[in-house]
Amino acid sequence: MLMPTLIGVVYAPNDAGGPYVGGGLEIAYTWSDNSQAFGPSHGRVRLDIAALDGTAMNSSAMVMYRGGAQVSFERNASRRWLIPYFAADVGGLWTSSLGRRGFVDGGLGVYVVHRRDVIVDLEADGILPFSHVEQAGGVRGTLALSFALW
């Protein structure tokens, strides 16, 4: 099912005086499968974009975008809460001071609530940029609220 998502993001790069905080939008294709077949029960393929503002003095605004997937650890789709998952993405970030930086990230998360019409999840990712690792590498945390439009 295709679901629009509102996201809140905290990003703490290695060399910043403080974290970046903001929000954005995500579009996600989600599924859940309660069969005996081997494989994960819940998952999501997603694209998101977020606008972030630095909390340190004189820090510039940032745009972060990424695409990737989430896949649950377990096979039983009948449970509707506290379902752990893996996540992996490829994306980029842009600031006026750093310019553009591509990155990959990987992390862990939990579907706090996973219902057909609403999904709430928390995720923590380690960001590994393709260049300037000492500046742009760091940790990203996301709170996401997905909802069905029909």
N, C-alpha and C. Protein backbone atom coordinates (compact mmCIF):
# COMPACT_ATOMS: atom_id res chain seq x y z
N MET A 1 0.84 -1.16 0.00
CA MET A 1 0.00 0.00 0.00
C MET A 1 0.90 1.24 0.00
N LEU A 2 0.57 2.21 -0.80
CA LEU A 2 1.30 3.47 -0.87
C LEU A 2 0.80 4.39 0.25
N MET A 3 1.74 4.89 1.07
CA MET A 3 1.36 5.71 2.23
C MET A 3 2.21 6.97 2.30
N PRO A 4 1.57 8.15 2.40
CA PRO A 4 2.35 9.36 2.69
C PRO A 4 2.76 9.36 4.16
N THR A 5 3.89 10.02 4.43
CA THR A 5 4.47 9.97 5.77
C THR A 5 5.01 11.33 6.17
N LEU A 6 4.77 11.74 7.40
CA LEU A 6 5.39 12.92 7.99
C LEU A 6 6.56 12.43 8.85
N ILE A 7 7.72 13.11 8.72
CA ILE A 7 8.89 12.67 9.49
C ILE A 7 9.47 13.83 10.28
N GLY A 8 9.95 13.51 11.47
CA GLY A 8 10.76 14.41 12.28
C GLY A 8 12.17 13.85 12.31
N VAL A 9 13.17 14.71 12.12
CA VAL A 9 14.55 14.24 11.96
C VAL A 9 15.49 15.01 12.88
N VAL A 10 16.44 14.28 13.50
CA VAL A 10 17.57 14.85 14.23
C VAL A 10 18.82 14.26 13.60
N TYR A 11 19.76 15.12 13.19
CA TYR A 11 21.00 14.67 12.57
C TYR A 11 22.17 15.29 13.31
N ALA A 12 23.07 14.47 13.81
CA ALA A 12 24.24 14.94 14.56
C ALA A 12 25.51 14.58 13.80
N PRO A 13 26.02 15.49 12.94
CA PRO A 13 27.27 15.21 12.24
C PRO A 13 28.46 15.28 13.20
N ASN A 14 29.57 14.67 12.80
CA ASN A 14 30.75 14.57 13.67
C ASN A 14 31.32 15.91 14.10
N ASP A 15 31.39 16.90 13.20
CA ASP A 15 32.12 18.13 13.53
C ASP A 15 31.23 19.33 13.85
N ALA A 16 29.94 19.15 13.96
CA ALA A 16 29.05 20.28 14.21
C ALA A 16 29.05 20.65 15.69
N GLY A 17 28.76 21.92 15.97
CA GLY A 17 28.64 22.36 17.35
C GLY A 17 27.37 21.86 18.00
N GLY A 18 26.41 21.46 17.23
CA GLY A 18 25.15 20.96 17.74
C GLY A 18 24.42 20.22 16.65
N PRO A 19 23.36 19.53 16.98
CA PRO A 19 22.64 18.76 15.96
C PRO A 19 21.79 19.65 15.06
N TYR A 20 21.37 19.07 13.96
CA TYR A 20 20.40 19.67 13.05
C TYR A 20 19.05 19.03 13.35
N VAL A 21 18.00 19.84 13.36
CA VAL A 21 16.66 19.37 13.69
C VAL A 21 15.68 19.89 12.64
N GLY A 22 14.73 19.06 12.25
CA GLY A 22 13.74 19.50 11.28
C GLY A 22 12.73 18.43 10.97
N GLY A 23 12.08 18.59 9.83
CA GLY A 23 11.04 17.66 9.43
C GLY A 23 10.93 17.59 7.94
N GLY A 24 10.11 16.65 7.49
CA GLY A 24 9.94 16.49 6.06
C GLY A 24 8.83 15.53 5.71
N LEU A 25 8.89 15.07 4.47
CA LEU A 25 7.88 14.18 3.92
C LEU A 25 8.53 12.94 3.35
N GLU A 26 7.77 11.87 3.37
CA GLU A 26 8.23 10.60 2.81
C GLU A 26 7.07 9.98 2.07
N ILE A 27 7.38 9.30 0.98
CA ILE A 27 6.38 8.48 0.31
C ILE A 27 6.89 7.05 0.41
N ALA A 28 6.03 6.13 0.82
CA ALA A 28 6.48 4.78 1.11
C ALA A 28 5.48 3.75 0.59
N TYR A 29 6.02 2.68 0.03
CA TYR A 29 5.23 1.50 -0.28
C TYR A 29 5.45 0.51 0.85
N THR A 30 4.39 0.14 1.57
CA THR A 30 4.51 -0.74 2.73
C THR A 30 3.80 -2.06 2.47
N TRP A 31 4.24 -3.09 3.19
CA TRP A 31 3.57 -4.38 3.12
C TRP A 31 3.67 -5.10 4.46
N SER A 32 2.75 -6.04 4.65
CA SER A 32 2.84 -6.99 5.75
C SER A 32 2.29 -8.32 5.24
N ASP A 33 2.92 -9.41 5.65
CA ASP A 33 2.60 -10.73 5.13
C ASP A 33 2.56 -11.72 6.29
N ASN A 34 1.41 -12.28 6.53
CA ASN A 34 1.24 -13.22 7.64
C ASN A 34 1.12 -14.65 7.10
N SER A 35 2.15 -15.09 6.37
CA SER A 35 2.14 -16.44 5.83
C SER A 35 3.25 -17.25 6.48
N GLN A 36 3.28 -18.54 6.20
CA GLN A 36 4.32 -19.42 6.72
C GLN A 36 5.58 -19.39 5.86
N ALA A 37 5.54 -18.67 4.75
CA ALA A 37 6.70 -18.60 3.85
C ALA A 37 7.86 -17.91 4.53
N PHE A 38 9.08 -18.32 4.16
CA PHE A 38 10.27 -17.71 4.73
C PHE A 38 10.38 -16.25 4.28
N GLY A 39 10.78 -15.38 5.18
CA GLY A 39 10.97 -13.97 4.85
C GLY A 39 10.37 -13.08 5.90
N PRO A 40 10.69 -11.80 5.82
CA PRO A 40 10.20 -10.85 6.82
C PRO A 40 8.70 -10.59 6.67
N SER A 41 8.09 -10.22 7.78
CA SER A 41 6.64 -10.00 7.77
C SER A 41 6.26 -8.58 7.38
N HIS A 42 7.09 -7.58 7.72
CA HIS A 42 6.76 -6.18 7.47
C HIS A 42 7.90 -5.53 6.72
N GLY A 43 7.56 -4.53 5.91
CA GLY A 43 8.61 -3.80 5.22
C GLY A 43 8.11 -2.55 4.57
N ARG A 44 9.07 -1.79 4.04
CA ARG A 44 8.75 -0.51 3.41
C ARG A 44 9.87 -0.16 2.44
N VAL A 45 9.49 0.33 1.26
CA VAL A 45 10.41 0.94 0.31
C VAL A 45 10.03 2.41 0.29
N ARG A 46 11.03 3.31 0.43
CA ARG A 46 10.69 4.71 0.68
C ARG A 46 11.61 5.69 -0.03
N LEU A 47 11.09 6.89 -0.19
CA LEU A 47 11.83 8.08 -0.62
C LEU A 47 11.44 9.20 0.33
N ASP A 48 12.44 9.93 0.87
CA ASP A 48 12.08 11.03 1.76
C ASP A 48 12.98 12.23 1.54
N ILE A 49 12.49 13.38 1.99
CA ILE A 49 13.24 14.63 1.96
C ILE A 49 12.91 15.40 3.23
N ALA A 50 13.94 16.03 3.82
CA ALA A 50 13.74 16.77 5.07
C ALA A 50 14.53 18.07 5.02
N ALA A 51 13.97 19.12 5.58
CA ALA A 51 14.65 20.40 5.77
C ALA A 51 15.05 20.50 7.23
N LEU A 52 16.34 20.75 7.47
CA LEU A 52 16.86 20.77 8.84
C LEU A 52 17.53 22.11 9.12
N ASP A 53 17.46 22.53 10.37
CA ASP A 53 18.10 23.77 10.80
C ASP A 53 19.09 23.44 11.90
N GLY A 54 20.30 24.01 11.82
CA GLY A 54 21.33 23.76 12.83
C GLY A 54 21.02 24.46 14.13
N THR A 55 21.33 23.80 15.24
CA THR A 55 21.08 24.39 16.55
C THR A 55 22.28 25.20 17.04
N ALA A 56 23.46 25.03 16.43
CA ALA A 56 24.65 25.80 16.81
C ALA A 56 24.58 27.19 16.17
N MET A 57 25.25 28.16 16.81
CA MET A 57 25.28 29.51 16.24
C MET A 57 25.99 29.49 14.90
N ASN A 58 25.51 30.29 13.98
CA ASN A 58 26.07 30.44 12.64
C ASN A 58 26.04 29.17 11.80
N SER A 59 25.22 28.19 12.15
CA SER A 59 25.10 27.01 11.30
C SER A 59 24.04 27.26 10.25
N SER A 60 24.29 26.74 9.06
CA SER A 60 23.36 26.96 7.95
C SER A 60 22.29 25.88 7.92
N ALA A 61 21.25 26.13 7.15
CA ALA A 61 20.19 25.15 6.97
C ALA A 61 20.70 24.00 6.11
N MET A 62 20.02 22.87 6.19
CA MET A 62 20.43 21.67 5.46
C MET A 62 19.21 21.00 4.84
N VAL A 63 19.40 20.42 3.67
CA VAL A 63 18.39 19.57 3.04
C VAL A 63 18.98 18.17 2.97
N MET A 64 18.23 17.18 3.44
CA MET A 64 18.68 15.78 3.41
C MET A 64 17.62 14.97 2.68
N TYR A 65 18.07 14.14 1.74
CA TYR A 65 17.15 13.30 0.96
C TYR A 65 17.75 11.91 0.87
N ARG A 66 16.88 10.90 0.78
CA ARG A 66 17.36 9.53 0.70
C ARG A 66 16.27 8.60 0.19
N GLY A 67 16.69 7.45 -0.27
CA GLY A 67 15.78 6.39 -0.71
C GLY A 67 16.32 5.06 -0.22
N GLY A 68 15.45 4.18 0.19
CA GLY A 68 15.92 2.90 0.70
C GLY A 68 14.78 2.01 1.13
N ALA A 69 15.09 1.13 2.09
CA ALA A 69 14.11 0.13 2.51
C ALA A 69 14.26 -0.18 4.00
N GLN A 70 13.16 -0.68 4.56
CA GLN A 70 13.10 -1.22 5.91
C GLN A 70 12.56 -2.64 5.81
N VAL A 71 13.13 -3.56 6.57
CA VAL A 71 12.65 -4.94 6.57
C VAL A 71 12.66 -5.45 8.00
N SER A 72 11.54 -6.05 8.42
CA SER A 72 11.41 -6.50 9.82
C SER A 72 12.25 -7.74 10.09
N PHE A 73 12.51 -7.98 11.37
CA PHE A 73 13.28 -9.14 11.81
C PHE A 73 12.45 -10.42 11.80
N GLU A 74 11.18 -10.31 12.07
CA GLU A 74 10.37 -11.49 12.36
C GLU A 74 9.41 -11.82 11.23
N ARG A 75 8.85 -13.02 11.27
CA ARG A 75 7.95 -13.48 10.21
C ARG A 75 6.48 -13.32 10.56
N ASN A 76 6.10 -13.13 11.79
CA ASN A 76 4.70 -13.10 12.20
C ASN A 76 4.12 -11.69 12.05
N ALA A 77 3.25 -11.52 11.07
CA ALA A 77 2.65 -10.21 10.82
C ALA A 77 1.41 -9.95 11.67
N SER A 78 1.03 -10.87 12.54
CA SER A 78 -0.19 -10.67 13.33
C SER A 78 0.04 -9.68 14.47
N ARG A 79 1.28 -9.52 14.93
CA ARG A 79 1.55 -8.55 16.00
C ARG A 79 1.51 -7.15 15.40
N ARG A 80 0.95 -6.18 16.11
CA ARG A 80 0.74 -4.83 15.60
C ARG A 80 1.60 -3.78 16.28
N TRP A 81 2.54 -4.17 17.16
CA TRP A 81 3.30 -3.17 17.91
C TRP A 81 4.70 -3.70 18.23
N LEU A 82 5.64 -2.79 18.41
CA LEU A 82 7.02 -3.08 18.79
C LEU A 82 7.67 -4.16 17.92
N ILE A 83 7.65 -3.94 16.61
CA ILE A 83 8.25 -4.87 15.65
C ILE A 83 9.60 -4.29 15.21
N PRO A 84 10.72 -4.95 15.52
CA PRO A 84 12.04 -4.41 15.16
C PRO A 84 12.33 -4.61 13.67
N TYR A 85 13.16 -3.71 13.10
CA TYR A 85 13.53 -3.82 11.69
C TYR A 85 14.94 -3.30 11.43
N PHE A 86 15.49 -3.72 10.28
CA PHE A 86 16.73 -3.19 9.72
C PHE A 86 16.37 -2.14 8.69
N ALA A 87 17.25 -1.17 8.46
CA ALA A 87 17.03 -0.16 7.42
C ALA A 87 18.34 0.12 6.69
N ALA A 88 18.26 0.40 5.39
CA ALA A 88 19.42 0.79 4.59
C ALA A 88 18.96 1.79 3.53
N ASP A 89 19.78 2.82 3.28
CA ASP A 89 19.41 3.88 2.35
C ASP A 89 20.64 4.40 1.61
N VAL A 90 20.38 5.07 0.50
CA VAL A 90 21.37 5.86 -0.23
C VAL A 90 20.76 7.25 -0.37
N GLY A 91 21.55 8.29 -0.13
CA GLY A 91 20.98 9.63 -0.20
C GLY A 91 22.02 10.70 -0.34
N GLY A 92 21.61 11.91 0.00
CA GLY A 92 22.50 13.05 -0.08
C GLY A 92 22.06 14.13 0.87
N LEU A 93 22.98 15.05 1.13
CA LEU A 93 22.64 16.22 1.93
C LEU A 93 23.27 17.44 1.28
N TRP A 94 22.68 18.58 1.54
CA TRP A 94 23.18 19.83 0.98
C TRP A 94 23.12 20.92 2.04
N THR A 95 24.22 21.64 2.18
CA THR A 95 24.27 22.86 2.98
C THR A 95 25.09 23.87 2.19
N SER A 96 24.89 25.14 2.51
CA SER A 96 25.67 26.17 1.81
C SER A 96 27.15 26.09 2.17
N SER A 97 27.48 25.62 3.38
CA SER A 97 28.88 25.55 3.81
C SER A 97 29.59 24.30 3.27
N LEU A 98 28.92 23.15 3.25
CA LEU A 98 29.54 21.90 2.78
C LEU A 98 29.29 21.59 1.32
N GLY A 99 28.26 22.19 0.75
CA GLY A 99 27.85 21.82 -0.59
C GLY A 99 27.07 20.53 -0.55
N ARG A 100 27.18 19.74 -1.64
CA ARG A 100 26.46 18.46 -1.71
C ARG A 100 27.36 17.32 -1.29
N ARG A 101 26.79 16.38 -0.55
CA ARG A 101 27.51 15.18 -0.10
C ARG A 101 26.58 13.98 -0.24
N GLY A 102 27.01 12.96 -0.95
CA GLY A 102 26.27 11.71 -1.03
C GLY A 102 26.61 10.85 0.17
N PHE A 103 25.73 9.95 0.53
CA PHE A 103 25.98 9.07 1.68
C PHE A 103 25.21 7.77 1.55
N VAL A 104 25.62 6.80 2.34
CA VAL A 104 24.84 5.59 2.59
C VAL A 104 24.57 5.56 4.09
N ASP A 105 23.48 4.95 4.47
CA ASP A 105 23.22 4.78 5.90
C ASP A 105 22.63 3.42 6.16
N GLY A 106 22.78 2.99 7.37
CA GLY A 106 22.21 1.74 7.81
C GLY A 106 21.83 1.88 9.27
N GLY A 107 20.78 1.21 9.66
CA GLY A 107 20.38 1.35 11.05
C GLY A 107 19.35 0.34 11.49
N LEU A 108 18.86 0.60 12.68
CA LEU A 108 17.84 -0.23 13.31
C LEU A 108 16.67 0.64 13.70
N GLY A 109 15.51 0.02 13.73
CA GLY A 109 14.32 0.76 14.12
C GLY A 109 13.28 -0.16 14.71
N VAL A 110 12.18 0.44 15.10
CA VAL A 110 11.07 -0.33 15.63
C VAL A 110 9.76 0.31 15.14
N TYR A 111 8.87 -0.55 14.62
CA TYR A 111 7.51 -0.10 14.33
C TYR A 111 6.79 -0.06 15.67
N VAL A 112 6.59 1.12 16.21
CA VAL A 112 5.90 1.27 17.49
C VAL A 112 4.47 0.76 17.36
N VAL A 113 3.80 1.18 16.28
CA VAL A 113 2.46 0.72 15.92
C VAL A 113 2.49 0.43 14.42
N HIS A 114 1.97 -0.73 14.01
CA HIS A 114 1.90 -1.07 12.58
C HIS A 114 0.52 -1.63 12.30
N ARG A 115 -0.35 -0.76 11.81
CA ARG A 115 -1.71 -1.14 11.44
C ARG A 115 -1.91 -0.86 9.96
N ARG A 116 -2.97 -1.35 9.41
CA ARG A 116 -3.23 -1.15 7.98
C ARG A 116 -3.38 0.33 7.63
N ASP A 117 -3.95 1.13 8.53
CA ASP A 117 -4.24 2.54 8.22
C ASP A 117 -3.25 3.53 8.82
N VAL A 118 -2.40 3.09 9.76
CA VAL A 118 -1.44 4.00 10.39
C VAL A 118 -0.20 3.21 10.85
N ILE A 119 0.97 3.81 10.63
CA ILE A 119 2.24 3.23 11.08
C ILE A 119 3.03 4.32 11.78
N VAL A 120 3.53 4.03 12.98
CA VAL A 120 4.41 4.94 13.70
C VAL A 120 5.72 4.18 13.92
N ASP A 121 6.84 4.77 13.49
CA ASP A 121 8.10 4.09 13.72
C ASP A 121 9.22 5.04 14.13
N LEU A 122 10.18 4.48 14.87
CA LEU A 122 11.39 5.18 15.32
C LEU A 122 12.59 4.48 14.71
N GLU A 123 13.56 5.26 14.23
CA GLU A 123 14.73 4.68 13.57
C GLU A 123 15.98 5.46 13.93
N ALA A 124 17.10 4.76 14.07
CA ALA A 124 18.41 5.38 14.28
C ALA A 124 19.37 4.82 13.24
N ASP A 125 20.06 5.72 12.53
CA ASP A 125 20.96 5.33 11.44
C ASP A 125 22.33 5.94 11.63
N GLY A 126 23.35 5.22 11.22
CA GLY A 126 24.70 5.76 11.10
C GLY A 126 24.91 6.20 9.67
N ILE A 127 25.33 7.45 9.47
CA ILE A 127 25.52 8.00 8.12
C ILE A 127 27.00 7.95 7.76
N LEU A 128 27.29 7.36 6.60
CA LEU A 128 28.65 7.27 6.08
C LEU A 128 28.70 8.00 4.74
N PRO A 129 29.24 9.23 4.71
CA PRO A 129 29.31 9.99 3.45
C PRO A 129 30.37 9.43 2.51
N PHE A 130 30.21 9.69 1.22
CA PHE A 130 31.16 9.25 0.22
C PHE A 130 32.45 10.07 0.27
N SER A 131 32.38 11.29 0.82
CA SER A 131 33.57 12.13 0.98
C SER A 131 33.41 12.97 2.24
N HIS A 132 34.52 13.49 2.77
CA HIS A 132 34.52 14.31 3.98
C HIS A 132 33.82 13.61 5.15
N VAL A 133 34.24 12.38 5.39
CA VAL A 133 33.64 11.58 6.46
C VAL A 133 33.75 12.28 7.81
N GLU A 134 34.89 12.94 8.05
CA GLU A 134 35.11 13.61 9.33
C GLU A 134 34.14 14.76 9.56
N GLN A 135 33.60 15.36 8.50
CA GLN A 135 32.66 16.47 8.65
C GLN A 135 31.21 16.00 8.64
N ALA A 136 30.85 15.20 7.65
CA ALA A 136 29.44 14.89 7.42
C ALA A 136 28.99 13.56 8.01
N GLY A 137 29.91 12.70 8.41
CA GLY A 137 29.50 11.44 9.02
C GLY A 137 28.84 11.70 10.36
N GLY A 138 27.94 10.84 10.75
CA GLY A 138 27.26 11.05 12.02
C GLY A 138 26.10 10.11 12.22
N VAL A 139 25.17 10.55 13.04
CA VAL A 139 24.01 9.75 13.42
C VAL A 139 22.74 10.52 13.07
N ARG A 140 21.74 9.79 12.58
CA ARG A 140 20.44 10.38 12.26
C ARG A 140 19.36 9.60 13.00
N GLY A 141 18.43 10.32 13.62
CA GLY A 141 17.27 9.71 14.26
C GLY A 141 16.01 10.21 13.58
N THR A 142 15.04 9.32 13.38
CA THR A 142 13.81 9.68 12.68
C THR A 142 12.59 9.15 13.42
N LEU A 143 11.57 9.98 13.53
CA LEU A 143 10.25 9.58 14.00
C LEU A 143 9.32 9.76 12.81
N ALA A 144 8.61 8.70 12.41
CA ALA A 144 7.77 8.76 11.21
C ALA A 144 6.33 8.37 11.54
N LEU A 145 5.39 9.10 10.93
CA LEU A 145 3.96 8.81 11.04
C LEU A 145 3.42 8.64 9.64
N SER A 146 3.07 7.40 9.29
CA SER A 146 2.50 7.07 7.97
C SER A 146 1.02 6.85 8.14
N PHE A 147 0.25 7.25 7.13
CA PHE A 147 -1.21 7.09 7.22
C PHE A 147 -1.79 6.82 5.86
N ALA A 148 -2.86 6.03 5.84
CA ALA A 148 -3.56 5.72 4.61
C ALA A 148 -4.53 6.84 4.27
N LEU A 149 -4.60 7.17 2.99
CA LEU A 149 -5.51 8.25 2.55
C LEU A 149 -6.92 7.72 2.25
N TRP A 150 -7.08 6.43 2.12
CA TRP A 150 -8.39 5.86 1.85
C TRP A 150 -8.63 4.64 2.65
